[in-house]
Amino acid sequence: MRKIDSDENRPHDAETAAFIALIQGRVQGVGFRYSCRLEARRLGLNGWVRNTGGGVEVQAEGSRKKLDLFLEWLRRGPPGARVDSVHCKTAVPAGYRNFVIEM
């Protein structure tokens, strides 16, 4: 994971929230990560997306409103994907400055 600033040295905007989500279903080999990055950037969110052994994992941070919209998108996914489940938990904002695909 790419963390720009440590939590101890960087104050976080009180409006910034974050979550980590695990998306399961037919979400690999269908452009999910690429589409996820496009959607996150369109919404102005920061964080990352990567494949896991059981699906796709996403960490995103930004305004709660934008995160809610992004979570709605994650539940649908891009054309060609089939999202069976999304497990989401609150996270501490890490200070990411972009949204990237991690390998």
PDB file of N, CA and C in Angstrom:
ATOM      1  N   MET A   1       0.836  -1.174   0.000  1.00  0.00           N
ATOM      2  CA  MET A   1       0.000   0.000   0.000  1.00  0.00           C
ATOM      3  C   MET A   1       0.881   1.237   0.000  1.00  0.00           C
ATOM      4  N   ARG A   2       0.457   2.227  -0.712  1.00  0.00           N
ATOM      5  CA  ARG A   2       1.222   3.456  -0.780  1.00  0.00           C
ATOM      6  C   ARG A   2       0.646   4.458   0.190  1.00  0.00           C
ATOM      7  N   LYS A   3       1.385   4.742   1.230  1.00  0.00           N
ATOM      8  CA  LYS A   3       0.949   5.704   2.225  1.00  0.00           C
ATOM      9  C   LYS A   3       1.871   6.908   2.127  1.00  0.00           C
ATOM     10  N   ILE A   4       1.307   8.066   1.916  1.00  0.00           N
ATOM     11  CA  ILE A   4       2.115   9.255   1.680  1.00  0.00           C
ATOM     12  C   ILE A   4       2.659   9.821   2.985  1.00  0.00           C
ATOM     13  N   ASP A   5       1.799  10.061   3.941  1.00  0.00           N
ATOM     14  CA  ASP A   5       2.201  10.655   5.206  1.00  0.00           C
ATOM     15  C   ASP A   5       1.763   9.745   6.340  1.00  0.00           C
ATOM     16  N   SER A   6       2.539   9.720   7.401  1.00  0.00           N
ATOM     17  CA  SER A   6       2.127   8.899   8.537  1.00  0.00           C
ATOM     18  C   SER A   6       0.966   9.564   9.264  1.00  0.00           C
ATOM     19  N   ASP A   7       0.156   8.759   9.930  1.00  0.00           N
ATOM     20  CA  ASP A   7      -0.999   9.274  10.653  1.00  0.00           C
ATOM     21  C   ASP A   7      -0.592  10.242  11.759  1.00  0.00           C
ATOM     22  N   GLU A   8       0.568  10.017  12.350  1.00  0.00           N
ATOM     23  CA  GLU A   8       0.996  10.870  13.454  1.00  0.00           C
ATOM     24  C   GLU A   8       1.382  12.278  12.993  1.00  0.00           C
ATOM     25  N   ASN A   9       1.878  12.392  11.762  1.00  0.00           N
ATOM     26  CA  ASN A   9       2.413  13.668  11.286  1.00  0.00           C
ATOM     27  C   ASN A   9       1.443  14.474  10.443  1.00  0.00           C
ATOM     28  N   ARG A  10       0.325  13.890  10.049  1.00  0.00           N
ATOM     29  CA  ARG A  10      -0.574  14.576   9.139  1.00  0.00           C
ATOM     30  C   ARG A  10      -1.969  14.664   9.735  1.00  0.00           C
ATOM     31  N   PRO A  11      -2.436  15.875  10.026  1.00  0.00           N
ATOM     32  CA  PRO A  11      -3.810  15.992  10.501  1.00  0.00           C
ATOM     33  C   PRO A  11      -4.779  15.703   9.363  1.00  0.00           C
ATOM     34  N   HIS A  12      -5.885  15.029   9.660  1.00  0.00           N
ATOM     35  CA  HIS A  12      -6.869  14.698   8.642  1.00  0.00           C
ATOM     36  C   HIS A  12      -8.022  15.681   8.712  1.00  0.00           C
ATOM     37  N   ASP A  13      -8.541  16.011   7.550  1.00  0.00           N
ATOM     38  CA  ASP A  13      -9.724  16.840   7.450  1.00  0.00           C
ATOM     39  C   ASP A  13     -10.867  16.122   8.152  1.00  0.00           C
ATOM     40  N   ALA A  14     -11.605  16.826   8.973  1.00  0.00           N
ATOM     41  CA  ALA A  14     -12.699  16.219   9.724  1.00  0.00           C
ATOM     42  C   ALA A  14     -13.770  15.668   8.782  1.00  0.00           C
ATOM     43  N   GLU A  15     -13.834  16.167   7.559  1.00  0.00           N
ATOM     44  CA  GLU A  15     -14.825  15.710   6.599  1.00  0.00           C
ATOM     45  C   GLU A  15     -14.391  14.447   5.859  1.00  0.00           C
ATOM     46  N   THR A  16     -13.141  14.041   5.995  1.00  0.00           N
ATOM     47  CA  THR A  16     -12.628  12.881   5.274  1.00  0.00           C
ATOM     48  C   THR A  16     -12.966  11.603   6.015  1.00  0.00           C
ATOM     49  N   ALA A  17     -13.545  10.657   5.287  1.00  0.00           N
ATOM     50  CA  ALA A  17     -13.861   9.338   5.821  1.00  0.00           C
ATOM     51  C   ALA A  17     -13.182   8.307   4.926  1.00  0.00           C
ATOM     52  N   ALA A  18     -13.197   7.047   5.349  1.00  0.00           N
ATOM     53  CA  ALA A  18     -12.555   5.997   4.563  1.00  0.00           C
ATOM     54  C   ALA A  18     -13.233   4.651   4.819  1.00  0.00           C
ATOM     55  N   PHE A  19     -13.104   3.754   3.841  1.00  0.00           N
ATOM     56  CA  PHE A  19     -13.546   2.388   4.047  1.00  0.00           C
ATOM     57  C   PHE A  19     -12.640   1.430   3.288  1.00  0.00           C
ATOM     58  N   ILE A  20     -12.697   0.174   3.721  1.00  0.00           N
ATOM     59  CA  ILE A  20     -12.063  -0.929   3.013  1.00  0.00           C
ATOM     60  C   ILE A  20     -13.194  -1.879   2.634  1.00  0.00           C
ATOM     61  N   ALA A  21     -13.212  -2.315   1.378  1.00  0.00           N
ATOM     62  CA  ALA A  21     -14.267  -3.202   0.912  1.00  0.00           C
ATOM     63  C   ALA A  21     -13.667  -4.398   0.192  1.00  0.00           C
ATOM     64  N   LEU A  22     -14.276  -5.557   0.393  1.00  0.00           N
ATOM     65  CA  LEU A  22     -13.938  -6.758  -0.348  1.00  0.00           C
ATOM     66  C   LEU A  22     -15.137  -7.096  -1.218  1.00  0.00           C
ATOM     67  N   ILE A  23     -14.911  -7.125  -2.531  1.00  0.00           N
ATOM     68  CA  ILE A  23     -15.970  -7.383  -3.491  1.00  0.00           C
ATOM     69  C   ILE A  23     -15.760  -8.789  -4.038  1.00  0.00           C
ATOM     70  N   GLN A  24     -16.820  -9.607  -3.986  1.00  0.00           N
ATOM     71  CA  GLN A  24     -16.728 -10.981  -4.455  1.00  0.00           C
ATOM     72  C   GLN A  24     -17.748 -11.239  -5.555  1.00  0.00           C
ATOM     73  N   GLY A  25     -17.434 -12.183  -6.405  1.00  0.00           N
ATOM     74  CA  GLY A  25     -18.269 -12.544  -7.545  1.00  0.00           C
ATOM     75  C   GLY A  25     -17.384 -12.707  -8.765  1.00  0.00           C
ATOM     76  N   ARG A  26     -17.925 -12.448  -9.946  1.00  0.00           N
ATOM     77  CA  ARG A  26     -17.093 -12.453 -11.154  1.00  0.00           C
ATOM     78  C   ARG A  26     -16.546 -11.042 -11.317  1.00  0.00           C
ATOM     79  N   VAL A  27     -15.433 -10.791 -10.623  1.00  0.00           N
ATOM     80  CA  VAL A  27     -14.874  -9.443 -10.570  1.00  0.00           C
ATOM     81  C   VAL A  27     -13.407  -9.403 -11.022  1.00  0.00           C
ATOM     82  N   GLN A  28     -12.899 -10.541 -11.466  1.00  0.00           N
ATOM     83  CA  GLN A  28     -11.546 -10.573 -12.016  1.00  0.00           C
ATOM     84  C   GLN A  28     -11.628 -10.965 -13.480  1.00  0.00           C
ATOM     85  N   GLY A  29     -10.795 -10.322 -14.296  1.00  0.00           N
ATOM     86  CA  GLY A  29     -10.797 -10.603 -15.723  1.00  0.00           C
ATOM     87  C   GLY A  29     -11.913  -9.900 -16.485  1.00  0.00           C
ATOM     88  N   VAL A  30     -12.565  -8.920 -15.849  1.00  0.00           N
ATOM     89  CA  VAL A  30     -13.665  -8.194 -16.494  1.00  0.00           C
ATOM     90  C   VAL A  30     -13.433  -6.679 -16.471  1.00  0.00           C
ATOM     91  N   GLY A  31     -12.208  -6.244 -16.151  1.00  0.00           N
ATOM     92  CA  GLY A  31     -11.892  -4.816 -16.119  1.00  0.00           C
ATOM     93  C   GLY A  31     -12.371  -4.109 -14.857  1.00  0.00           C
ATOM     94  N   PHE A  32     -12.611  -4.878 -13.795  1.00  0.00           N
ATOM     95  CA  PHE A  32     -13.153  -4.282 -12.576  1.00  0.00           C
ATOM     96  C   PHE A  32     -12.196  -3.255 -11.975  1.00  0.00           C
ATOM     97  N   ARG A  33     -10.923  -3.610 -11.840  1.00  0.00           N
ATOM     98  CA  ARG A  33      -9.967  -2.674 -11.215  1.00  0.00           C
ATOM     99  C   ARG A  33      -9.824  -1.392 -12.024  1.00  0.00           C
ATOM    100  N   TYR A  34      -9.704  -1.526 -13.339  1.00  0.00           N
ATOM    101  CA  TYR A  34      -9.555  -0.351 -14.193  1.00  0.00           C
ATOM    102  C   TYR A  34     -10.791   0.545 -14.089  1.00  0.00           C
ATOM    103  N   SER A  35     -11.982  -0.066 -14.180  1.00  0.00           N
ATOM    104  CA  SER A  35     -13.226   0.706 -14.072  1.00  0.00           C
ATOM    105  C   SER A  35     -13.386   1.317 -12.691  1.00  0.00           C
ATOM    106  N   CYS A  36     -12.957   0.592 -11.684  1.00  0.00           N
ATOM    107  CA  CYS A  36     -13.017   1.083 -10.308  1.00  0.00           C
ATOM    108  C   CYS A  36     -12.156   2.339 -10.152  1.00  0.00           C
ATOM    109  N   ARG A  37     -10.954   2.291 -10.704  1.00  0.00           N
ATOM    110  CA  ARG A  37     -10.074   3.461 -10.634  1.00  0.00           C
ATOM    111  C   ARG A  37     -10.703   4.655 -11.352  1.00  0.00           C
ATOM    112  N   LEU A  38     -11.275   4.426 -12.524  1.00  0.00           N
ATOM    113  CA  LEU A  38     -11.925   5.514 -13.254  1.00  0.00           C
ATOM    114  C   LEU A  38     -13.063   6.134 -12.447  1.00  0.00           C
ATOM    115  N   GLU A  39     -13.900   5.288 -11.847  1.00  0.00           N
ATOM    116  CA  GLU A  39     -15.037   5.785 -11.070  1.00  0.00           C
ATOM    117  C   GLU A  39     -14.568   6.537  -9.832  1.00  0.00           C
ATOM    118  N   ALA A  40     -13.564   5.999  -9.142  1.00  0.00           N
ATOM    119  CA  ALA A  40     -13.041   6.673  -7.949  1.00  0.00           C
ATOM    120  C   ALA A  40     -12.459   8.040  -8.311  1.00  0.00           C
ATOM    121  N   ARG A  41     -11.712   8.101  -9.384  1.00  0.00           N
ATOM    122  CA  ARG A  41     -11.142   9.384  -9.802  1.00  0.00           C
ATOM    123  C   ARG A  41     -12.223  10.364 -10.242  1.00  0.00           C
ATOM    124  N   ARG A  42     -13.259   9.853 -10.929  1.00  0.00           N
ATOM    125  CA  ARG A  42     -14.373  10.708 -11.343  1.00  0.00           C
ATOM    126  C   ARG A  42     -15.041  11.347 -10.127  1.00  0.00           C
ATOM    127  N   LEU A  43     -15.123  10.592  -9.039  1.00  0.00           N
ATOM    128  CA  LEU A  43     -15.735  11.086  -7.804  1.00  0.00           C
ATOM    129  C   LEU A  43     -14.763  11.895  -6.936  1.00  0.00           C
ATOM    130  N   GLY A  44     -13.485  11.930  -7.311  1.00  0.00           N
ATOM    131  CA  GLY A  44     -12.505  12.681  -6.532  1.00  0.00           C
ATOM    132  C   GLY A  44     -12.038  11.958  -5.287  1.00  0.00           C
ATOM    133  N   LEU A  45     -12.093  10.619  -5.305  1.00  0.00           N
ATOM    134  CA  LEU A  45     -11.656   9.827  -4.160  1.00  0.00           C
ATOM    135  C   LEU A  45     -10.197   9.416  -4.318  1.00  0.00           C
ATOM    136  N   ASN A  46      -9.578   9.069  -3.214  1.00  0.00           N
ATOM    137  CA  ASN A  46      -8.199   8.592  -3.198  1.00  0.00           C
ATOM    138  C   ASN A  46      -8.165   7.204  -2.573  1.00  0.00           C
ATOM    139  N   GLY A  47      -7.107   6.441  -2.889  1.00  0.00           N
ATOM    140  CA  GLY A  47      -6.951   5.107  -2.320  1.00  0.00           C
ATOM    141  C   GLY A  47      -6.376   4.148  -3.328  1.00  0.00           C
ATOM    142  N   TRP A  48      -6.835   2.892  -3.274  1.00  0.00           N
ATOM    143  CA  TRP A  48      -6.297   1.862  -4.162  1.00  0.00           C
ATOM    144  C   TRP A  48      -7.306   0.740  -4.362  1.00  0.00           C
ATOM    145  N   VAL A  49      -7.041  -0.080  -5.395  1.00  0.00           N
ATOM    146  CA  VAL A  49      -7.811  -1.292  -5.678  1.00  0.00           C
ATOM    147  C   VAL A  49      -6.814  -2.369  -6.078  1.00  0.00           C
ATOM    148  N   ARG A  50      -7.092  -3.626  -5.673  1.00  0.00           N
ATOM    149  CA  ARG A  50      -6.208  -4.735  -6.049  1.00  0.00           C
ATOM    150  C   ARG A  50      -6.992  -6.045  -6.040  1.00  0.00           C
ATOM    151  N   ASN A  51      -6.488  -7.012  -6.827  1.00  0.00           N
ATOM    152  CA  ASN A  51      -7.041  -8.358  -6.808  1.00  0.00           C
ATOM    153  C   ASN A  51      -6.567  -9.069  -5.551  1.00  0.00           C
ATOM    154  N   THR A  52      -7.424  -9.937  -5.030  1.00  0.00           N
ATOM    155  CA  THR A  52      -7.047 -10.814  -3.926  1.00  0.00           C
ATOM    156  C   THR A  52      -7.395 -12.235  -4.351  1.00  0.00           C
ATOM    157  N   GLY A  53      -7.070 -13.194  -3.527  1.00  0.00           N
ATOM    158  CA  GLY A  53      -7.427 -14.577  -3.829  1.00  0.00           C
ATOM    159  C   GLY A  53      -8.927 -14.797  -3.888  1.00  0.00           C
ATOM    160  N   GLY A  54      -9.690 -13.929  -3.219  1.00  0.00           N
ATOM    161  CA  GLY A  54     -11.133 -14.123  -3.158  1.00  0.00           C
ATOM    162  C   GLY A  54     -11.961 -13.053  -3.832  1.00  0.00           C
ATOM    163  N   GLY A  55     -11.345 -12.181  -4.613  1.00  0.00           N
ATOM    164  CA  GLY A  55     -12.103 -11.127  -5.273  1.00  0.00           C
ATOM    165  C   GLY A  55     -11.263  -9.890  -5.510  1.00  0.00           C
ATOM    166  N   VAL A  56     -11.844  -8.752  -5.210  1.00  0.00           N
ATOM    167  CA  VAL A  56     -11.165  -7.466  -5.364  1.00  0.00           C
ATOM    168  C   VAL A  56     -11.290  -6.714  -4.045  1.00  0.00           C
ATOM    169  N   GLU A  57     -10.196  -6.090  -3.613  1.00  0.00           N
ATOM    170  CA  GLU A  57     -10.184  -5.291  -2.390  1.00  0.00           C
ATOM    171  C   GLU A  57      -9.966  -3.836  -2.757  1.00  0.00           C
ATOM    172  N   VAL A  58     -10.684  -2.957  -2.060  1.00  0.00           N
ATOM    173  CA  VAL A  58     -10.623  -1.519  -2.327  1.00  0.00           C
ATOM    174  C   VAL A  58     -10.460  -0.788  -1.003  1.00  0.00           C
ATOM    175  N   GLN A  59      -9.569   0.192  -0.967  1.00  0.00           N
ATOM    176  CA  GLN A  59      -9.551   1.156   0.127  1.00  0.00           C
ATOM    177  C   GLN A  59      -9.765   2.516  -0.509  1.00  0.00           C
ATOM    178  N   ALA A  60     -10.762   3.234  -0.015  1.00  0.00           N
ATOM    179  CA  ALA A  60     -11.100   4.540  -0.582  1.00  0.00           C
ATOM    180  C   ALA A  60     -11.297   5.545   0.534  1.00  0.00           C
ATOM    181  N   GLU A  61     -10.956   6.798   0.241  1.00  0.00           N
ATOM    182  CA  GLU A  61     -11.170   7.871   1.210  1.00  0.00           C
ATOM    183  C   GLU A  61     -11.580   9.144   0.492  1.00  0.00           C
ATOM    184  N   GLY A  62     -12.398   9.923   1.191  1.00  0.00           N
ATOM    185  CA  GLY A  62     -12.919  11.160   0.651  1.00  0.00           C
ATOM    186  C   GLY A  62     -14.136  11.568   1.462  1.00  0.00           C
ATOM    187  N   SER A  63     -15.002  12.370   0.883  1.00  0.00           N
ATOM    188  CA  SER A  63     -16.198  12.793   1.603  1.00  0.00           C
ATOM    189  C   SER A  63     -17.159  11.613   1.747  1.00  0.00           C
ATOM    190  N   ARG A  64     -17.948  11.640   2.799  1.00  0.00           N
ATOM    191  CA  ARG A  64     -18.916  10.550   3.030  1.00  0.00           C
ATOM    192  C   ARG A  64     -19.898  10.428   1.874  1.00  0.00           C
ATOM    193  N   LYS A  65     -20.329  11.556   1.341  1.00  0.00           N
ATOM    194  CA  LYS A  65     -21.282  11.538   0.229  1.00  0.00           C
ATOM    195  C   LYS A  65     -20.684  10.834  -0.985  1.00  0.00           C
ATOM    196  N   LYS A  66     -19.444  11.173  -1.324  1.00  0.00           N
ATOM    197  CA  LYS A  66     -18.783  10.555  -2.478  1.00  0.00           C
ATOM    198  C   LYS A  66     -18.501   9.076  -2.214  1.00  0.00           C
ATOM    199  N   LEU A  67     -18.145   8.738  -0.969  1.00  0.00           N
ATOM    200  CA  LEU A  67     -17.919   7.332  -0.630  1.00  0.00           C
ATOM    201  C   LEU A  67     -19.202   6.521  -0.762  1.00  0.00           C
ATOM    202  N   ASP A  68     -20.329   7.098  -0.373  1.00  0.00           N
ATOM    203  CA  ASP A  68     -21.610   6.409  -0.517  1.00  0.00           C
ATOM    204  C   ASP A  68     -21.918   6.137  -1.994  1.00  0.00           C
ATOM    205  N   LEU A  69     -21.652   7.133  -2.850  1.00  0.00           N
ATOM    206  CA  LEU A  69     -21.863   6.947  -4.286  1.00  0.00           C
ATOM    207  C   LEU A  69     -20.944   5.868  -4.847  1.00  0.00           C
ATOM    208  N   PHE A  70     -19.700   5.856  -4.384  1.00  0.00           N
ATOM    209  CA  PHE A  70     -18.734   4.862  -4.835  1.00  0.00           C
ATOM    210  C   PHE A  70     -19.152   3.465  -4.379  1.00  0.00           C
ATOM    211  N   LEU A  71     -19.626   3.343  -3.163  1.00  0.00           N
ATOM    212  CA  LEU A  71     -20.079   2.048  -2.647  1.00  0.00           C
ATOM    213  C   LEU A  71     -21.265   1.533  -3.470  1.00  0.00           C
ATOM    214  N   GLU A  72     -22.155   2.419  -3.853  1.00  0.00           N
ATOM    215  CA  GLU A  72     -23.259   2.018  -4.742  1.00  0.00           C
ATOM    216  C   GLU A  72     -22.706   1.462  -6.051  1.00  0.00           C
ATOM    217  N   TRP A  73     -21.692   2.126  -6.604  1.00  0.00           N
ATOM    218  CA  TRP A  73     -21.089   1.656  -7.844  1.00  0.00           C
ATOM    219  C   TRP A  73     -20.426   0.293  -7.634  1.00  0.00           C
ATOM    220  N   LEU A  74     -19.707   0.112  -6.516  1.00  0.00           N
ATOM    221  CA  LEU A  74     -19.041  -1.162  -6.238  1.00  0.00           C
ATOM    222  C   LEU A  74     -20.048  -2.306  -6.172  1.00  0.00           C
ATOM    223  N   ARG A  75     -21.236  -2.033  -5.694  1.00  0.00           N
ATOM    224  CA  ARG A  75     -22.272  -3.079  -5.598  1.00  0.00           C
ATOM    225  C   ARG A  75     -22.781  -3.509  -6.976  1.00  0.00           C
ATOM    226  N   ARG A  76     -22.633  -2.647  -7.974  1.00  0.00           N
ATOM    227  CA  ARG A  76     -23.019  -2.972  -9.353  1.00  0.00           C
ATOM    228  C   ARG A  76     -21.826  -3.460 -10.164  1.00  0.00           C
ATOM    229  N   GLY A  77     -20.713  -2.740 -10.071  1.00  0.00           N
ATOM    230  CA  GLY A  77     -19.530  -3.037 -10.862  1.00  0.00           C
ATOM    231  C   GLY A  77     -19.701  -2.613 -12.307  1.00  0.00           C
ATOM    232  N   PRO A  78     -18.670  -2.829 -13.107  1.00  0.00           N
ATOM    233  CA  PRO A  78     -18.727  -2.454 -14.524  1.00  0.00           C
ATOM    234  C   PRO A  78     -19.508  -3.499 -15.329  1.00  0.00           C
ATOM    235  N   PRO A  79     -19.850  -3.165 -16.577  1.00  0.00           N
ATOM    236  CA  PRO A  79     -20.487  -4.162 -17.438  1.00  0.00           C
ATOM    237  C   PRO A  79     -19.597  -5.406 -17.547  1.00  0.00           C
ATOM    238  N   GLY A  80     -20.191  -6.567 -17.503  1.00  0.00           N
ATOM    239  CA  GLY A  80     -19.429  -7.817 -17.586  1.00  0.00           C
ATOM    240  C   GLY A  80     -19.104  -8.414 -16.238  1.00  0.00           C
ATOM    241  N   ALA A  81     -19.174  -7.621 -15.186  1.00  0.00           N
ATOM    242  CA  ALA A  81     -18.926  -8.134 -13.835  1.00  0.00           C
ATOM    243  C   ALA A  81     -20.226  -8.647 -13.235  1.00  0.00           C
ATOM    244  N   ARG A  82     -20.092  -9.530 -12.266  1.00  0.00           N
ATOM    245  CA  ARG A  82     -21.236  -9.973 -11.474  1.00  0.00           C
ATOM    246  C   ARG A  82     -20.820  -9.870 -10.010  1.00  0.00           C
ATOM    247  N   VAL A  83     -21.380  -8.915  -9.314  1.00  0.00           N
ATOM    248  CA  VAL A  83     -21.034  -8.702  -7.910  1.00  0.00           C
ATOM    249  C   VAL A  83     -21.996  -9.525  -7.057  1.00  0.00           C
ATOM    250  N   ASP A  84     -21.445 -10.479  -6.316  1.00  0.00           N
ATOM    251  CA  ASP A  84     -22.247 -11.318  -5.426  1.00  0.00           C
ATOM    252  C   ASP A  84     -22.343 -10.727  -4.028  1.00  0.00           C
ATOM    253  N   SER A  85     -21.247 -10.111  -3.571  1.00  0.00           N
ATOM    254  CA  SER A  85     -21.262  -9.523  -2.224  1.00  0.00           C
ATOM    255  C   SER A  85     -20.213  -8.427  -2.110  1.00  0.00           C
ATOM    256  N   VAL A  86     -20.506  -7.484  -1.226  1.00  0.00           N
ATOM    257  CA  VAL A  86     -19.562  -6.424  -0.876  1.00  0.00           C
ATOM    258  C   VAL A  86     -19.521  -6.355   0.646  1.00  0.00           C
ATOM    259  N   HIS A  87     -18.367  -6.654   1.212  1.00  0.00           N
ATOM    260  CA  HIS A  87     -18.166  -6.553   2.657  1.00  0.00           C
ATOM    261  C   HIS A  87     -17.352  -5.292   2.901  1.00  0.00           C
ATOM    262  N   CYS A  88     -17.903  -4.374   3.656  1.00  0.00           N
ATOM    263  CA  CYS A  88     -17.299  -3.057   3.828  1.00  0.00           C
ATOM    264  C   CYS A  88     -17.121  -2.757   5.304  1.00  0.00           C
ATOM    265  N   LYS A  89     -15.982  -2.158   5.652  1.00  0.00           N
ATOM    266  CA  LYS A  89     -15.767  -1.715   7.026  1.00  0.00           C
ATOM    267  C   LYS A  89     -15.101  -0.347   7.020  1.00  0.00           C
ATOM    268  N   THR A  90     -15.386   0.409   8.045  1.00  0.00           N
ATOM    269  CA  THR A  90     -14.813   1.743   8.196  1.00  0.00           C
ATOM    270  C   THR A  90     -13.303   1.634   8.409  1.00  0.00           C
ATOM    271  N   ALA A  91     -12.573   2.581   7.857  1.00  0.00           N
ATOM    272  CA  ALA A  91     -11.116   2.630   8.012  1.00  0.00           C
ATOM    273  C   ALA A  91     -10.705   4.046   8.413  1.00  0.00           C
ATOM    274  N   VAL A  92      -9.493   4.168   8.861  1.00  0.00           N
ATOM    275  CA  VAL A  92      -8.915   5.473   9.192  1.00  0.00           C
ATOM    276  C   VAL A  92      -8.308   6.037   7.910  1.00  0.00           C
ATOM    277  N   PRO A  93      -8.636   7.276   7.531  1.00  0.00           N
ATOM    278  CA  PRO A  93      -8.015   7.863   6.337  1.00  0.00           C
ATOM    279  C   PRO A  93      -6.493   7.845   6.446  1.00  0.00           C
ATOM    280  N   ALA A  94      -5.839   7.418   5.369  1.00  0.00           N
ATOM    281  CA  ALA A  94      -4.384   7.268   5.374  1.00  0.00           C
ATOM    282  C   ALA A  94      -3.663   8.415   4.679  1.00  0.00           C
ATOM    283  N   GLY A  95      -4.387   9.326   4.051  1.00  0.00           N
ATOM    284  CA  GLY A  95      -3.742  10.456   3.402  1.00  0.00           C
ATOM    285  C   GLY A  95      -3.290  10.179   1.984  1.00  0.00           C
ATOM    286  N   TYR A  96      -3.932   9.249   1.284  1.00  0.00           N
ATOM    287  CA  TYR A  96      -3.590   9.002  -0.119  1.00  0.00           C
ATOM    288  C   TYR A  96      -3.875  10.257  -0.933  1.00  0.00           C
ATOM    289  N   ARG A  97      -3.127  10.427  -2.024  1.00  0.00           N
ATOM    290  CA  ARG A  97      -3.270  11.621  -2.848  1.00  0.00           C
ATOM    291  C   ARG A  97      -3.752  11.302  -4.259  1.00  0.00           C
ATOM    292  N   ASN A  98      -4.092  10.038  -4.512  1.00  0.00           N
ATOM    293  CA  ASN A  98      -4.556   9.615  -5.818  1.00  0.00           C
ATOM    294  C   ASN A  98      -5.263   8.283  -5.642  1.00  0.00           C
ATOM    295  N   PHE A  99      -5.837   7.758  -6.693  1.00  0.00           N
ATOM    296  CA  PHE A  99      -6.427   6.422  -6.651  1.00  0.00           C
ATOM    297  C   PHE A  99      -5.689   5.562  -7.658  1.00  0.00           C
ATOM    298  N   VAL A 100      -5.108   4.459  -7.199  1.00  0.00           N
ATOM    299  CA  VAL A 100      -4.236   3.644  -8.036  1.00  0.00           C
ATOM    300  C   VAL A 100      -4.663   2.180  -8.012  1.00  0.00           C
ATOM    301  N   ILE A 101      -4.200   1.463  -9.044  1.00  0.00           N
ATOM    302  CA  ILE A 101      -4.331   0.013  -9.084  1.00  0.00           C
ATOM    303  C   ILE A 101      -3.047  -0.558  -8.508  1.00  0.00           C
ATOM    304  N   GLU A 102      -3.188  -1.368  -7.466  1.00  0.00           N
ATOM    305  CA  GLU A 102      -2.020  -2.035  -6.877  1.00  0.00           C
ATOM    306  C   GLU A 102      -1.917  -3.434  -7.428  1.00  0.00           C
ATOM    307  N   MET A 103      -0.699  -3.868  -7.623  1.00  0.00           N
ATOM    308  CA  MET A 103      -0.456  -5.220  -8.145  1.00  0.00           C
ATOM    309  C   MET A 103      -0.142  -6.171  -7.030  1.00  0.00           C
TER     310      MET A 103
END
